[in-house]
Amino acid sequence: MSENVIFVKKYDEADKALAVNEREVLRYAGYLGLPETMDETLREVFSQVVEELKGAFSYQVCYRRMDVTWEDGMPQFSLQTQSKDLAKCLNGSREVILFAATVGLEIDRRIAKHQRFSPTKALLMQAYGAERVETLCNAFCDEMKRQAEAEGLQCTARFSPGYGDLPLEAQRDVFRLLDCNRKIGISLNESLLMTPSKSVTALFGMGAGVCPGQEHKCESCEKKDCEFRSDDVRA
């Protein structure tokens, strides 16, 4: 497989791997209770959001699979970086998967439509979009893990520009390497913000005996008081 090839994957909303996690949607919205504890008013708005957003998402991923070598404890591959945190994450990897994922622009249009007259609905749509792109990333990574296992390999946790000491400016290299705009319609502005907003770029390593990815990214985050911290890892 040539590491210069950029692959594109599209997912269907009916895919079981993309099932909506209502608890995660509410967490992103800042509601820490369970879905069944929502009051009648919030439940009604939530139901309206779910109904309105049916068919509004376009699930796409583009990615490259690249060889990685090591020099003085730092990974050497097409993304030039001296990030020690990334090196720790990729430790032992012999390949890197660099990817970008998006659920499309329509969710941004719907949020903008409701922000002025229905802020609660707009907030829930923001949260719904965040859950959707995170679920898409999980589905893609799980698929790559199964492929790696078939090759006798393991995958590390995924790591994004802006995490730890990997600067957000690395986004420019990511977009150059993946040709995100042409491949799946993600653009990057001068402030390093992506459009569509519900988009993610990340990478993870593959190798024999690498440290496998954690089930929750929150487990490795040092910000213990984050309001968005997953309930599953709260102290």
Protein backbone atom coordinates (compact mmCIF):
# COMPACT_ATOMS: atom_id res chain seq x y z
CA MET A 1 0.00 0.00 0.00
CA SER A 2 1.45 3.35 -1.07
CA GLU A 3 1.62 5.86 1.74
CA ASN A 4 0.95 8.61 -0.79
CA VAL A 5 -2.58 7.36 -1.46
CA ILE A 6 -5.40 9.28 0.23
CA PHE A 7 -8.36 7.01 0.89
CA VAL A 8 -11.94 8.24 1.32
CA LYS A 9 -14.62 6.38 3.26
CA LYS A 10 -18.31 7.23 3.46
CA TYR A 11 -20.62 5.85 6.12
CA ASP A 12 -24.37 5.36 6.04
CA GLU A 13 -26.42 6.82 8.86
CA ALA A 14 -28.12 3.44 9.29
CA ASP A 15 -24.76 1.82 10.19
CA LYS A 16 -25.05 0.35 13.70
CA ALA A 17 -21.63 1.80 14.51
CA LEU A 18 -23.18 5.27 14.15
CA ALA A 19 -26.03 4.71 16.62
CA VAL A 20 -26.80 7.90 18.54
CA ASN A 21 -25.71 8.01 22.18
CA GLU A 22 -28.27 10.34 23.80
CA ARG A 23 -26.29 10.47 27.02
CA GLU A 24 -23.27 11.82 25.16
CA VAL A 25 -25.38 14.40 23.33
CA LEU A 26 -26.68 15.69 26.66
CA ARG A 27 -23.17 15.71 28.14
CA TYR A 28 -21.94 17.89 25.30
CA ALA A 29 -24.92 20.16 25.99
CA GLY A 30 -23.83 20.48 29.63
CA TYR A 31 -26.68 18.34 31.01
CA LEU A 32 -25.16 15.79 33.37
CA GLY A 33 -28.32 13.83 34.13
CA LEU A 34 -29.50 10.70 32.36
CA PRO A 35 -31.74 10.97 29.29
CA GLU A 36 -34.67 9.56 31.24
CA THR A 37 -34.39 12.35 33.85
CA MET A 38 -35.03 15.15 31.34
CA ASP A 39 -38.10 17.21 32.17
CA GLU A 40 -41.02 17.22 29.74
CA THR A 41 -40.05 20.52 28.11
CA LEU A 42 -36.43 19.53 27.46
CA ARG A 43 -37.51 16.10 26.23
CA GLU A 44 -39.86 17.72 23.73
CA VAL A 45 -37.15 20.03 22.37
CA PHE A 46 -34.69 17.14 22.24
CA SER A 47 -37.20 15.04 20.28
CA GLN A 48 -37.71 17.91 17.83
CA VAL A 49 -33.95 18.17 17.32
CA VAL A 50 -33.60 14.43 16.68
CA GLU A 51 -36.44 14.52 14.17
CA GLU A 52 -35.17 17.63 12.38
CA LEU A 53 -31.63 16.30 12.03
CA LYS A 54 -32.59 12.99 10.44
CA GLY A 55 -30.71 12.80 7.16
CA ALA A 56 -28.85 16.06 7.84
CA PHE A 57 -25.43 14.46 8.22
CA SER A 58 -22.90 13.36 5.61
CA TYR A 59 -20.42 10.99 7.26
CA GLN A 60 -17.02 11.09 5.51
CA VAL A 61 -13.42 10.28 6.39
CA CYS A 62 -10.23 10.68 4.40
CA TYR A 63 -6.99 9.10 5.56
CA ARG A 64 -3.43 8.09 4.76
CA ARG A 65 -1.45 5.17 6.10
CA MET A 66 2.21 6.18 6.49
CA ASP A 67 5.40 4.46 7.58
CA VAL A 68 7.11 5.85 10.68
CA THR A 69 10.72 5.51 11.80
CA TRP A 70 12.28 6.61 15.06
CA GLU A 71 15.23 8.89 15.77
CA ASP A 72 16.33 9.90 19.28
CA GLY A 73 12.95 8.80 20.64
CA MET A 74 10.95 10.93 18.21
CA PRO A 75 8.71 9.63 15.39
CA GLN A 76 9.78 10.53 11.86
CA PHE A 77 7.07 10.63 9.21
CA SER A 78 5.42 13.06 6.80
CA LEU A 79 3.97 15.21 9.59
CA GLN A 80 7.01 17.04 10.90
CA THR A 81 6.76 17.54 14.66
CA GLN A 82 8.86 17.40 17.82
CA SER A 83 5.88 16.76 20.10
CA LYS A 84 6.95 14.66 23.07
CA ASP A 85 3.32 13.91 23.94
CA LEU A 86 2.68 12.57 20.46
CA ALA A 87 5.89 10.53 20.63
CA LYS A 88 4.65 8.98 23.87
CA CYS A 89 1.30 8.15 22.29
CA LEU A 90 2.90 6.59 19.18
CA ASN A 91 5.67 4.78 21.06
CA GLY A 92 6.52 1.51 19.30
CA SER A 93 4.44 2.25 16.21
CA ARG A 94 5.74 1.31 12.80
CA GLU A 95 2.92 3.00 10.91
CA VAL A 96 0.68 6.02 11.41
CA ILE A 97 -2.89 6.57 10.27
CA LEU A 98 -3.56 10.27 9.67
CA PHE A 99 -7.23 11.10 9.12
CA ALA A 100 -9.86 13.81 8.89
CA ALA A 101 -13.56 13.25 9.55
CA THR A 102 -16.64 15.39 9.04
CA VAL A 103 -20.40 15.11 9.28
CA GLY A 104 -20.97 17.88 6.75
CA LEU A 105 -22.11 21.48 6.55
CA GLU A 106 -25.86 21.09 6.96
CA ILE A 107 -25.64 20.88 10.76
CA ASP A 108 -23.96 24.31 10.78
CA ARG A 109 -26.82 25.74 8.74
CA ARG A 110 -29.43 24.29 11.10
CA ILE A 111 -27.63 25.65 14.18
CA ALA A 112 -27.37 29.12 12.65
CA LYS A 113 -31.08 29.00 11.78
CA HIS A 114 -32.11 28.40 15.40
CA GLN A 115 -29.55 30.47 17.34
CA ARG A 116 -31.60 33.66 17.38
CA PHE A 117 -35.08 32.35 18.10
CA SER A 118 -34.49 29.01 19.85
CA PRO A 119 -31.16 28.98 21.75
CA THR A 120 -32.03 25.74 23.55
CA LYS A 121 -32.61 23.98 20.24
CA ALA A 122 -29.42 25.48 18.81
CA LEU A 123 -27.45 24.28 21.86
CA LEU A 124 -28.82 20.76 21.53
CA MET A 125 -27.98 20.77 17.84
CA GLN A 126 -24.42 21.84 18.65
CA ALA A 127 -24.20 18.95 21.09
CA TYR A 128 -25.80 16.52 18.65
CA GLY A 129 -23.29 17.47 15.96
CA ALA A 130 -20.39 17.04 18.38
CA GLU A 131 -21.62 13.57 19.34
CA ARG A 132 -22.07 12.66 15.66
CA VAL A 133 -18.52 13.53 14.59
CA GLU A 134 -17.05 11.86 17.69
CA THR A 135 -19.07 8.72 16.94
CA LEU A 136 -17.85 8.82 13.33
CA CYS A 137 -14.24 8.99 14.55
CA ASN A 138 -14.86 6.05 16.87
CA ALA A 139 -16.44 4.01 14.06
CA PHE A 140 -13.48 4.68 11.76
CA CYS A 141 -10.90 3.91 14.44
CA ASP A 142 -12.69 0.70 15.40
CA GLU A 143 -12.64 -0.36 11.75
CA MET A 144 -8.91 0.35 11.53
CA LYS A 145 -8.33 -1.58 14.76
CA ARG A 146 -10.01 -4.64 13.27
CA GLN A 147 -7.86 -4.29 10.15
CA ALA A 148 -4.74 -3.96 12.29
CA GLU A 149 -5.66 -7.02 14.35
CA ALA A 150 -5.98 -9.03 11.12
CA GLU A 151 -2.37 -8.05 10.43
CA GLY A 152 -1.22 -8.95 13.93
CA LEU A 153 -0.96 -5.30 14.98
CA GLN A 154 -2.48 -3.01 17.61
CA CYS A 155 -3.54 0.64 17.48
CA THR A 156 -2.67 3.42 19.88
CA ALA A 157 -5.07 6.05 21.13
CA ARG A 158 -5.80 8.83 18.65
CA PHE A 159 -4.14 12.21 19.01
CA SER A 160 -5.17 15.55 17.48
CA PRO A 161 -3.42 18.85 16.82
CA GLY A 162 -3.94 21.01 19.88
CA TYR A 163 -3.59 18.08 22.31
CA GLY A 164 -0.68 18.32 24.74
CA ASP A 165 2.37 19.89 23.15
CA LEU A 166 1.31 19.16 19.55
CA PRO A 167 0.53 22.70 18.32
CA LEU A 168 -2.71 23.52 16.58
CA GLU A 169 -0.57 24.89 13.75
CA ALA A 170 0.07 21.26 12.79
CA GLN A 171 -3.37 21.45 11.18
CA ARG A 172 -1.77 23.12 8.16
CA ASP A 173 0.40 20.06 7.53
CA VAL A 174 -2.54 17.74 8.11
CA PHE A 175 -4.62 19.56 5.50
CA ARG A 176 -1.70 19.54 3.08
CA LEU A 177 -1.13 15.82 3.52
CA LEU A 178 -4.80 14.84 3.28
CA ASP A 179 -6.04 17.41 0.75
CA CYS A 180 -9.11 17.68 2.99
CA ASN A 181 -10.90 20.33 0.95
CA ARG A 182 -10.93 18.38 -2.29
CA LYS A 183 -11.39 14.97 -0.72
CA ILE A 184 -14.21 15.56 1.79
CA GLY A 185 -14.94 19.30 1.71
CA ILE A 186 -13.23 20.51 4.90
CA SER A 187 -11.51 23.88 4.74
CA LEU A 188 -9.13 25.55 7.20
CA ASN A 189 -9.11 29.30 7.75
CA GLU A 190 -6.28 31.57 8.93
CA SER A 191 -7.40 31.13 12.54
CA LEU A 192 -7.05 27.33 12.12
CA LEU A 193 -10.80 26.81 12.45
CA MET A 194 -12.37 24.14 10.30
CA THR A 195 -15.48 24.39 8.14
CA PRO A 196 -17.73 22.42 8.54
CA SER A 197 -17.33 23.02 12.27
CA LYS A 198 -18.24 19.43 13.14
CA SER A 199 -14.97 18.08 11.77
CA VAL A 200 -11.98 16.40 13.42
CA THR A 201 -8.41 15.68 12.39
CA ALA A 202 -6.32 13.12 14.26
CA LEU A 203 -3.74 10.39 13.96
CA PHE A 204 -2.88 7.14 15.70
CA GLY A 205 -0.14 4.57 15.52
CA MET A 206 -0.08 0.91 14.53
CA GLY A 207 2.46 -1.66 15.60
CA ALA A 208 3.13 -4.89 17.45
CA GLY A 209 2.89 -4.42 21.20
CA VAL A 210 2.03 -0.71 21.22
CA CYS A 211 0.01 0.75 24.08
CA PRO A 212 -3.62 0.31 22.98
CA GLY A 213 -5.97 3.28 22.87
CA GLN A 214 -8.03 4.00 25.95
CA GLU A 215 -11.78 3.61 25.83
CA HIS A 216 -12.21 7.21 26.99
CA LYS A 217 -9.90 10.07 26.04
CA CYS A 218 -10.89 11.63 29.38
CA GLU A 219 -8.84 8.94 31.13
CA SER A 220 -5.62 10.49 29.88
CA CYS A 221 -6.66 14.14 30.32
CA GLU A 222 -5.23 15.99 33.31
CA LYS A 223 -8.12 18.48 33.48
CA LYS A 224 -10.14 16.65 36.12
CA ASP A 225 -12.66 19.47 36.66
CA CYS A 226 -13.76 19.74 33.00
CA GLU A 227 -17.53 20.18 32.71
CA PHE A 228 -17.53 17.88 29.67
CA ARG A 229 -15.62 15.07 31.41
CA SER A 230 -17.25 11.72 30.75
CA ASP A 231 -19.33 10.38 33.63
CA ASP A 232 -17.65 7.00 33.15
CA VAL A 233 -14.30 8.37 34.35
CA ARG A 234 -15.42 11.01 36.84
CA ALA A 235 -13.81 10.70 40.27
